[in-house]
N, C-alpha and C. Protein backbone atom coordinates (compact mmCIF):
# COMPACT_ATOMS: atom_id res chain seq x y z
N MET A 1 7.25 -2.31 -18.67
CA MET A 1 6.94 -2.83 -17.34
C MET A 1 7.24 -1.74 -16.31
N THR A 2 6.31 -1.58 -15.37
CA THR A 2 6.42 -0.56 -14.34
C THR A 2 6.36 -1.22 -12.97
N LEU A 3 7.29 -0.85 -12.09
CA LEU A 3 7.25 -1.33 -10.71
C LEU A 3 6.39 -0.37 -9.89
N ILE A 4 5.36 -0.93 -9.25
CA ILE A 4 4.43 -0.14 -8.45
C ILE A 4 4.53 -0.57 -7.00
N LEU A 5 4.70 0.40 -6.12
CA LEU A 5 4.74 0.17 -4.68
C LEU A 5 3.39 0.54 -4.10
N GLY A 6 2.73 -0.42 -3.47
CA GLY A 6 1.48 -0.16 -2.76
C GLY A 6 1.78 -0.05 -1.27
N LEU A 7 1.13 0.91 -0.62
CA LEU A 7 1.39 1.14 0.80
C LEU A 7 0.09 1.24 1.59
N ASP A 8 0.05 0.57 2.73
CA ASP A 8 -1.06 0.65 3.67
C ASP A 8 -0.49 1.25 4.95
N PRO A 9 -0.59 2.59 5.09
CA PRO A 9 0.07 3.27 6.20
C PRO A 9 -0.49 2.91 7.58
N GLY A 10 0.39 2.81 8.53
CA GLY A 10 0.03 2.59 9.92
C GLY A 10 1.23 2.92 10.79
N LEU A 11 0.98 3.32 12.02
CA LEU A 11 2.09 3.64 12.91
C LEU A 11 2.74 2.37 13.45
N ALA A 12 1.94 1.40 13.84
CA ALA A 12 2.49 0.15 14.35
C ALA A 12 3.05 -0.71 13.22
N ARG A 13 2.30 -0.79 12.11
CA ARG A 13 2.71 -1.60 10.94
C ARG A 13 2.29 -0.88 9.67
N THR A 14 3.23 -0.64 8.81
CA THR A 14 2.93 -0.13 7.47
C THR A 14 3.18 -1.27 6.50
N GLY A 15 2.10 -1.74 5.90
CA GLY A 15 2.23 -2.81 4.93
C GLY A 15 2.71 -2.26 3.61
N TRP A 16 3.51 -3.05 2.90
CA TRP A 16 3.98 -2.65 1.58
C TRP A 16 3.97 -3.86 0.65
N GLY A 17 3.77 -3.56 -0.61
CA GLY A 17 3.80 -4.60 -1.62
C GLY A 17 4.25 -4.01 -2.94
N ILE A 18 5.07 -4.75 -3.66
CA ILE A 18 5.57 -4.28 -4.95
C ILE A 18 5.15 -5.27 -6.01
N ILE A 19 4.58 -4.71 -7.08
CA ILE A 19 4.20 -5.52 -8.23
C ILE A 19 4.82 -4.93 -9.48
N ALA A 20 4.96 -5.76 -10.49
CA ALA A 20 5.36 -5.30 -11.81
C ALA A 20 4.12 -5.32 -12.68
N ALA A 21 3.84 -4.21 -13.34
CA ALA A 21 2.67 -4.10 -14.22
C ALA A 21 3.15 -3.95 -15.65
N ASP A 22 2.70 -4.86 -16.49
CA ASP A 22 3.00 -4.80 -17.92
C ASP A 22 1.65 -4.91 -18.63
N GLY A 23 1.01 -3.76 -18.88
CA GLY A 23 -0.36 -3.75 -19.37
C GLY A 23 -1.25 -4.34 -18.30
N ASN A 24 -2.03 -5.35 -18.67
CA ASN A 24 -2.91 -6.02 -17.70
C ASN A 24 -2.22 -7.15 -16.95
N ARG A 25 -0.98 -7.45 -17.32
CA ARG A 25 -0.24 -8.55 -16.68
C ARG A 25 0.46 -8.03 -15.43
N LEU A 26 0.12 -8.61 -14.30
CA LEU A 26 0.69 -8.20 -13.01
C LEU A 26 1.51 -9.34 -12.42
N THR A 27 2.66 -8.99 -11.87
CA THR A 27 3.54 -9.98 -11.26
C THR A 27 3.93 -9.52 -9.86
N HIS A 28 3.83 -10.42 -8.91
CA HIS A 28 4.26 -10.13 -7.55
C HIS A 28 5.79 -10.05 -7.51
N ILE A 29 6.31 -9.01 -6.89
CA ILE A 29 7.75 -8.87 -6.73
C ILE A 29 8.16 -9.14 -5.28
N ALA A 30 7.53 -8.41 -4.34
CA ALA A 30 7.87 -8.57 -2.93
C ALA A 30 6.78 -7.93 -2.07
N HIS A 31 6.77 -8.28 -0.81
CA HIS A 31 5.85 -7.65 0.13
C HIS A 31 6.40 -7.80 1.54
N GLY A 32 5.88 -7.00 2.44
CA GLY A 32 6.29 -7.06 3.84
C GLY A 32 5.64 -5.97 4.63
N ALA A 33 6.16 -5.73 5.81
CA ALA A 33 5.64 -4.68 6.67
C ALA A 33 6.79 -4.04 7.43
N ILE A 34 6.66 -2.75 7.61
CA ILE A 34 7.62 -2.01 8.44
C ILE A 34 6.93 -1.82 9.78
N THR A 35 7.57 -2.32 10.83
CA THR A 35 6.96 -2.23 12.16
C THR A 35 7.74 -1.26 13.04
N THR A 36 7.02 -0.68 13.97
CA THR A 36 7.66 0.19 14.95
C THR A 36 7.36 -0.36 16.34
N ARG A 37 8.18 0.05 17.30
CA ARG A 37 8.03 -0.44 18.67
C ARG A 37 7.12 0.48 19.47
N PRO A 38 6.02 -0.05 20.00
CA PRO A 38 5.09 0.77 20.77
C PRO A 38 5.73 1.47 21.97
N ALA A 39 6.80 0.89 22.52
CA ALA A 39 7.46 1.48 23.68
C ALA A 39 8.25 2.74 23.32
N ASP A 40 8.58 2.91 22.03
CA ASP A 40 9.35 4.08 21.61
C ASP A 40 8.47 5.33 21.56
N SER A 41 9.11 6.48 21.61
CA SER A 41 8.37 7.74 21.49
C SER A 41 7.79 7.86 20.08
N LEU A 42 6.82 8.72 19.92
CA LEU A 42 6.21 8.92 18.61
C LEU A 42 7.26 9.35 17.60
N ALA A 43 8.14 10.26 17.99
CA ALA A 43 9.19 10.73 17.08
C ALA A 43 10.09 9.59 16.63
N MET A 44 10.46 8.71 17.55
CA MET A 44 11.32 7.57 17.22
C MET A 44 10.59 6.60 16.29
N ARG A 45 9.30 6.41 16.52
CA ARG A 45 8.52 5.49 15.67
C ARG A 45 8.41 6.05 14.26
N LEU A 46 8.18 7.35 14.14
CA LEU A 46 8.10 7.97 12.82
C LEU A 46 9.45 7.90 12.11
N GLN A 47 10.52 8.08 12.85
CA GLN A 47 11.86 7.98 12.27
C GLN A 47 12.12 6.55 11.80
N ALA A 48 11.71 5.56 12.57
CA ALA A 48 11.89 4.16 12.18
C ALA A 48 11.09 3.85 10.91
N LEU A 49 9.89 4.40 10.82
CA LEU A 49 9.06 4.22 9.63
C LEU A 49 9.76 4.83 8.41
N HIS A 50 10.27 6.03 8.57
CA HIS A 50 10.97 6.70 7.48
C HIS A 50 12.21 5.91 7.05
N GLY A 51 12.98 5.42 8.01
CA GLY A 51 14.17 4.64 7.69
C GLY A 51 13.83 3.35 6.97
N GLY A 52 12.77 2.68 7.41
CA GLY A 52 12.33 1.46 6.74
C GLY A 52 11.89 1.71 5.31
N LEU A 53 11.18 2.81 5.10
CA LEU A 53 10.75 3.16 3.75
C LEU A 53 11.93 3.53 2.86
N ALA A 54 12.88 4.27 3.41
CA ALA A 54 14.07 4.64 2.64
C ALA A 54 14.83 3.39 2.19
N HIS A 55 14.97 2.42 3.08
CA HIS A 55 15.64 1.17 2.74
C HIS A 55 14.86 0.41 1.66
N LEU A 56 13.55 0.35 1.81
CA LEU A 56 12.69 -0.32 0.84
C LEU A 56 12.81 0.32 -0.54
N LEU A 57 12.77 1.64 -0.59
CA LEU A 57 12.86 2.37 -1.86
C LEU A 57 14.23 2.16 -2.51
N ALA A 58 15.29 2.17 -1.72
CA ALA A 58 16.63 1.98 -2.26
C ALA A 58 16.83 0.55 -2.77
N THR A 59 16.20 -0.41 -2.11
CA THR A 59 16.35 -1.81 -2.48
C THR A 59 15.59 -2.16 -3.75
N HIS A 60 14.33 -1.72 -3.83
CA HIS A 60 13.47 -2.16 -4.93
C HIS A 60 13.30 -1.14 -6.06
N ARG A 61 13.57 0.12 -5.80
CA ARG A 61 13.48 1.19 -6.80
C ARG A 61 12.17 1.19 -7.60
N PRO A 62 11.02 1.30 -6.90
CA PRO A 62 9.75 1.37 -7.63
C PRO A 62 9.66 2.66 -8.44
N GLU A 63 8.81 2.62 -9.47
CA GLU A 63 8.66 3.78 -10.36
C GLU A 63 7.42 4.60 -10.04
N GLU A 64 6.47 4.00 -9.34
CA GLU A 64 5.24 4.68 -8.93
C GLU A 64 4.87 4.18 -7.55
N ALA A 65 4.07 4.99 -6.85
CA ALA A 65 3.57 4.58 -5.54
C ALA A 65 2.07 4.82 -5.48
N ALA A 66 1.40 3.95 -4.77
CA ALA A 66 -0.04 4.08 -4.51
C ALA A 66 -0.25 3.91 -3.01
N VAL A 67 -0.94 4.86 -2.41
CA VAL A 67 -1.11 4.88 -0.97
C VAL A 67 -2.60 4.83 -0.65
N GLU A 68 -2.94 3.98 0.31
CA GLU A 68 -4.34 3.90 0.74
C GLU A 68 -4.68 5.14 1.55
N GLU A 69 -5.83 5.74 1.25
CA GLU A 69 -6.26 6.91 1.99
C GLU A 69 -6.65 6.51 3.41
N VAL A 70 -6.47 7.44 4.31
CA VAL A 70 -6.75 7.18 5.72
C VAL A 70 -8.26 7.23 5.97
N PHE A 71 -8.69 6.40 6.89
CA PHE A 71 -10.08 6.48 7.34
C PHE A 71 -10.07 7.06 8.74
N VAL A 72 -11.19 7.60 9.15
CA VAL A 72 -11.27 8.25 10.46
C VAL A 72 -11.71 7.23 11.50
N ASN A 73 -10.93 7.12 12.56
CA ASN A 73 -11.27 6.25 13.69
C ASN A 73 -12.20 6.99 14.63
N LYS A 74 -12.82 6.26 15.52
CA LYS A 74 -13.63 6.90 16.56
C LYS A 74 -12.72 7.57 17.58
N ASN A 75 -11.52 7.05 17.73
CA ASN A 75 -10.55 7.59 18.68
C ASN A 75 -9.72 8.66 17.98
N ALA A 76 -9.87 9.90 18.39
CA ALA A 76 -9.18 11.02 17.75
C ALA A 76 -7.66 10.88 17.86
N GLN A 77 -7.17 10.39 18.98
CA GLN A 77 -5.73 10.23 19.17
C GLN A 77 -5.16 9.21 18.18
N SER A 78 -5.87 8.11 17.95
CA SER A 78 -5.42 7.11 16.98
C SER A 78 -5.43 7.68 15.57
N THR A 79 -6.45 8.45 15.25
CA THR A 79 -6.54 9.07 13.93
C THR A 79 -5.38 10.03 13.71
N LEU A 80 -5.03 10.80 14.72
CA LEU A 80 -3.92 11.75 14.61
C LEU A 80 -2.60 11.02 14.38
N LYS A 81 -2.36 9.95 15.13
CA LYS A 81 -1.12 9.18 14.95
C LYS A 81 -1.07 8.53 13.58
N LEU A 82 -2.20 8.02 13.11
CA LEU A 82 -2.25 7.42 11.78
C LEU A 82 -1.96 8.49 10.72
N GLY A 83 -2.50 9.68 10.91
CA GLY A 83 -2.25 10.78 9.98
C GLY A 83 -0.77 11.15 9.93
N GLN A 84 -0.11 11.13 11.09
CA GLN A 84 1.32 11.46 11.12
C GLN A 84 2.13 10.37 10.40
N ALA A 85 1.76 9.13 10.60
CA ALA A 85 2.45 8.03 9.90
C ALA A 85 2.22 8.16 8.40
N ARG A 86 1.01 8.48 8.02
CA ARG A 86 0.68 8.64 6.61
C ARG A 86 1.48 9.80 6.00
N GLY A 87 1.69 10.85 6.77
CA GLY A 87 2.51 11.97 6.30
C GLY A 87 3.94 11.54 6.02
N VAL A 88 4.51 10.71 6.89
CA VAL A 88 5.86 10.19 6.67
C VAL A 88 5.88 9.33 5.41
N VAL A 89 4.86 8.51 5.22
CA VAL A 89 4.78 7.66 4.04
C VAL A 89 4.75 8.52 2.77
N LEU A 90 3.88 9.52 2.75
CA LEU A 90 3.77 10.39 1.57
C LEU A 90 5.06 11.15 1.30
N LEU A 91 5.69 11.65 2.35
CA LEU A 91 6.95 12.37 2.19
C LEU A 91 8.03 11.44 1.63
N SER A 92 8.06 10.21 2.09
CA SER A 92 9.08 9.26 1.66
C SER A 92 8.99 8.91 0.18
N VAL A 93 7.77 8.92 -0.38
CA VAL A 93 7.59 8.55 -1.79
C VAL A 93 7.31 9.76 -2.68
N ALA A 94 7.47 10.95 -2.15
CA ALA A 94 7.12 12.18 -2.88
C ALA A 94 7.93 12.37 -4.17
N HIS A 95 9.09 11.72 -4.27
CA HIS A 95 9.91 11.85 -5.49
C HIS A 95 9.37 11.00 -6.64
N LEU A 96 8.37 10.16 -6.35
CA LEU A 96 7.73 9.30 -7.35
C LEU A 96 6.36 9.87 -7.72
N PRO A 97 5.81 9.45 -8.85
CA PRO A 97 4.39 9.74 -9.07
C PRO A 97 3.61 8.98 -7.99
N VAL A 98 2.75 9.69 -7.25
CA VAL A 98 2.02 9.10 -6.13
C VAL A 98 0.52 9.24 -6.37
N ALA A 99 -0.19 8.13 -6.22
CA ALA A 99 -1.65 8.14 -6.30
C ALA A 99 -2.20 7.74 -4.93
N GLU A 100 -3.32 8.31 -4.57
CA GLU A 100 -3.99 7.95 -3.34
C GLU A 100 -5.34 7.36 -3.69
N HIS A 101 -5.66 6.23 -3.06
CA HIS A 101 -6.90 5.53 -3.38
C HIS A 101 -7.69 5.25 -2.10
N ALA A 102 -8.98 5.52 -2.16
CA ALA A 102 -9.86 5.27 -1.03
C ALA A 102 -9.98 3.77 -0.78
N THR A 103 -10.10 3.40 0.48
CA THR A 103 -10.20 2.00 0.87
C THR A 103 -11.36 1.31 0.16
N ARG A 104 -12.52 1.94 0.11
CA ARG A 104 -13.69 1.33 -0.53
C ARG A 104 -13.45 1.10 -2.02
N LEU A 105 -12.74 2.04 -2.68
CA LEU A 105 -12.44 1.88 -4.09
C LEU A 105 -11.51 0.68 -4.31
N VAL A 106 -10.51 0.55 -3.46
CA VAL A 106 -9.57 -0.58 -3.57
C VAL A 106 -10.32 -1.89 -3.38
N LYS A 107 -11.15 -1.97 -2.35
CA LYS A 107 -11.91 -3.20 -2.09
C LYS A 107 -12.82 -3.53 -3.27
N LYS A 108 -13.46 -2.53 -3.82
CA LYS A 108 -14.36 -2.75 -4.96
C LYS A 108 -13.57 -3.24 -6.17
N ALA A 109 -12.39 -2.68 -6.40
CA ALA A 109 -11.55 -3.08 -7.54
C ALA A 109 -11.04 -4.51 -7.38
N ILE A 110 -10.77 -4.93 -6.17
CA ILE A 110 -10.18 -6.25 -5.93
C ILE A 110 -11.24 -7.34 -5.76
N VAL A 111 -12.26 -7.05 -4.96
CA VAL A 111 -13.25 -8.07 -4.60
C VAL A 111 -14.58 -7.87 -5.33
N GLY A 112 -14.89 -6.62 -5.70
CA GLY A 112 -16.16 -6.35 -6.36
C GLY A 112 -17.16 -5.65 -5.47
N THR A 113 -16.80 -5.47 -4.20
CA THR A 113 -17.66 -4.74 -3.28
C THR A 113 -16.80 -3.90 -2.35
N GLY A 114 -17.25 -2.69 -2.08
CA GLY A 114 -16.50 -1.80 -1.20
C GLY A 114 -16.57 -2.18 0.26
N ALA A 115 -17.40 -3.17 0.58
CA ALA A 115 -17.56 -3.61 1.97
C ALA A 115 -16.88 -4.96 2.21
N ALA A 116 -15.89 -5.31 1.40
CA ALA A 116 -15.22 -6.61 1.51
C ALA A 116 -14.52 -6.75 2.86
N GLU A 117 -14.48 -7.98 3.34
CA GLU A 117 -13.80 -8.31 4.59
C GLU A 117 -12.32 -8.57 4.31
N LYS A 118 -11.50 -8.51 5.36
CA LYS A 118 -10.06 -8.73 5.22
C LYS A 118 -9.74 -10.09 4.59
N ALA A 119 -10.46 -11.13 4.99
CA ALA A 119 -10.20 -12.48 4.45
C ALA A 119 -10.47 -12.51 2.94
N GLN A 120 -11.46 -11.77 2.48
CA GLN A 120 -11.76 -11.72 1.05
C GLN A 120 -10.63 -11.01 0.30
N ILE A 121 -10.10 -9.95 0.87
CA ILE A 121 -8.99 -9.22 0.24
C ILE A 121 -7.78 -10.14 0.12
N ILE A 122 -7.45 -10.83 1.21
CA ILE A 122 -6.30 -11.73 1.20
C ILE A 122 -6.48 -12.80 0.13
N ALA A 123 -7.65 -13.42 0.09
CA ALA A 123 -7.90 -14.50 -0.88
C ALA A 123 -7.80 -14.00 -2.32
N MET A 124 -8.36 -12.83 -2.60
CA MET A 124 -8.32 -12.32 -3.97
C MET A 124 -6.92 -11.88 -4.37
N VAL A 125 -6.18 -11.28 -3.46
CA VAL A 125 -4.80 -10.88 -3.79
C VAL A 125 -3.97 -12.13 -4.09
N GLN A 126 -4.15 -13.19 -3.31
CA GLN A 126 -3.42 -14.42 -3.56
C GLN A 126 -3.81 -15.03 -4.90
N ARG A 127 -5.05 -14.86 -5.29
CA ARG A 127 -5.50 -15.38 -6.58
C ARG A 127 -4.97 -14.53 -7.74
N LEU A 128 -4.97 -13.20 -7.55
CA LEU A 128 -4.50 -12.29 -8.61
C LEU A 128 -2.99 -12.30 -8.76
N LEU A 129 -2.29 -12.59 -7.68
CA LEU A 129 -0.82 -12.59 -7.68
C LEU A 129 -0.31 -13.96 -7.22
N PRO A 130 -0.45 -14.98 -8.08
CA PRO A 130 0.00 -16.32 -7.68
C PRO A 130 1.48 -16.30 -7.30
N GLY A 131 1.80 -17.04 -6.31
CA GLY A 131 3.19 -17.10 -5.88
C GLY A 131 3.54 -16.10 -4.81
N CYS A 132 2.57 -15.25 -4.39
CA CYS A 132 2.90 -14.27 -3.35
C CYS A 132 3.00 -14.92 -1.98
N GLY A 133 2.44 -16.13 -1.83
CA GLY A 133 2.55 -16.85 -0.57
C GLY A 133 1.64 -16.30 0.50
N PRO A 134 1.90 -16.70 1.74
CA PRO A 134 1.05 -16.25 2.85
C PRO A 134 1.13 -14.73 3.02
N LEU A 135 0.00 -14.14 3.38
CA LEU A 135 -0.07 -12.69 3.54
C LEU A 135 -0.73 -12.33 4.87
N GLY A 136 -0.16 -11.32 5.53
CA GLY A 136 -0.84 -10.72 6.66
C GLY A 136 -1.81 -9.67 6.12
N GLU A 137 -2.66 -9.15 6.97
CA GLU A 137 -3.65 -8.17 6.54
C GLU A 137 -3.01 -6.92 5.95
N ASP A 138 -1.98 -6.40 6.59
CA ASP A 138 -1.35 -5.16 6.11
C ASP A 138 -0.67 -5.35 4.76
N GLU A 139 0.00 -6.48 4.59
CA GLU A 139 0.66 -6.77 3.32
C GLU A 139 -0.37 -6.98 2.21
N ALA A 140 -1.45 -7.69 2.52
CA ALA A 140 -2.51 -7.91 1.53
C ALA A 140 -3.15 -6.59 1.13
N ASP A 141 -3.40 -5.72 2.10
CA ASP A 141 -3.98 -4.41 1.79
C ASP A 141 -3.04 -3.60 0.88
N ALA A 142 -1.75 -3.65 1.17
CA ALA A 142 -0.78 -2.90 0.36
C ALA A 142 -0.73 -3.45 -1.07
N LEU A 143 -0.70 -4.76 -1.21
CA LEU A 143 -0.71 -5.35 -2.55
C LEU A 143 -2.02 -5.05 -3.27
N ALA A 144 -3.13 -5.03 -2.53
CA ALA A 144 -4.42 -4.68 -3.13
C ALA A 144 -4.41 -3.26 -3.66
N VAL A 145 -3.79 -2.35 -2.92
CA VAL A 145 -3.68 -0.95 -3.37
C VAL A 145 -2.86 -0.89 -4.66
N ALA A 146 -1.76 -1.64 -4.72
CA ALA A 146 -0.92 -1.66 -5.91
C ALA A 146 -1.68 -2.24 -7.11
N VAL A 147 -2.42 -3.32 -6.90
CA VAL A 147 -3.18 -3.96 -7.98
C VAL A 147 -4.28 -3.01 -8.46
N ALA A 148 -5.02 -2.43 -7.54
CA ALA A 148 -6.08 -1.49 -7.92
C ALA A 148 -5.50 -0.32 -8.70
N HIS A 149 -4.36 0.18 -8.26
CA HIS A 149 -3.71 1.28 -8.96
C HIS A 149 -3.30 0.87 -10.37
N ALA A 150 -2.75 -0.32 -10.50
CA ALA A 150 -2.33 -0.80 -11.83
C ALA A 150 -3.52 -0.87 -12.77
N HIS A 151 -4.64 -1.37 -12.29
CA HIS A 151 -5.84 -1.45 -13.14
C HIS A 151 -6.37 -0.07 -13.47
N LEU A 152 -6.40 0.82 -12.50
CA LEU A 152 -6.90 2.17 -12.72
C LEU A 152 -6.02 2.95 -13.70
N ARG A 153 -4.71 2.81 -13.56
CA ARG A 153 -3.81 3.55 -14.44
C ARG A 153 -3.89 3.03 -15.87
N THR A 154 -4.11 1.73 -16.03
CA THR A 154 -4.27 1.16 -17.37
C THR A 154 -5.54 1.71 -18.02
N ALA A 155 -6.62 1.79 -17.25
CA ALA A 155 -7.87 2.35 -17.78
C ALA A 155 -7.69 3.81 -18.16
N VAL A 156 -6.98 4.58 -17.35
CA VAL A 156 -6.75 6.00 -17.66
C VAL A 156 -5.88 6.14 -18.90
N GLN A 157 -4.86 5.29 -19.04
CA GLN A 157 -3.99 5.35 -20.22
C GLN A 157 -4.76 5.02 -21.50
N ARG A 158 -5.65 4.03 -21.41
CA ARG A 158 -6.46 3.66 -22.58
C ARG A 158 -7.40 4.79 -22.97
N THR A 159 -7.99 5.43 -21.95
CA THR A 159 -8.91 6.54 -22.22
C THR A 159 -8.17 7.70 -22.86
N ALA A 160 -6.96 7.97 -22.39
CA ALA A 160 -6.17 9.08 -22.92
C ALA A 160 -5.74 8.81 -24.37
N ALA A 161 -5.49 7.54 -24.70
CA ALA A 161 -5.05 7.18 -26.05
C ALA A 161 -6.24 7.22 -26.96
């Protein structure tokens, strides 16, 4: 059994979800979001994100991490801030095996189409991980990244064997 941490990076909210993968059997462990205060400076927000991730890693001790790849916004300033938050996320989990997955790939793995809507992601994650309870968009995205990663790594392991 492997504990996988899925992350949906964001400066305001970084969604996270932890699942246990035992072959094709997936179990929900925990999920949540690390939030930062918009009134704080960028440096303080990045520090808060790092501290939240450090606490999460120390509490749950995942063995692998999967991070959603960033998409480009129309607003360059928003894209830059998202990139900085994503850098903190990657640095925080760098001691683990880390996989990065494109948003469209995750949606296709979870819903069957790369153009899935947020409500479809939430519904499918709740179906795939019974007992996870109510989910916000960021938490559902993070769990979706973890589930997609679990399925992809199982396929790679089978191919290698």
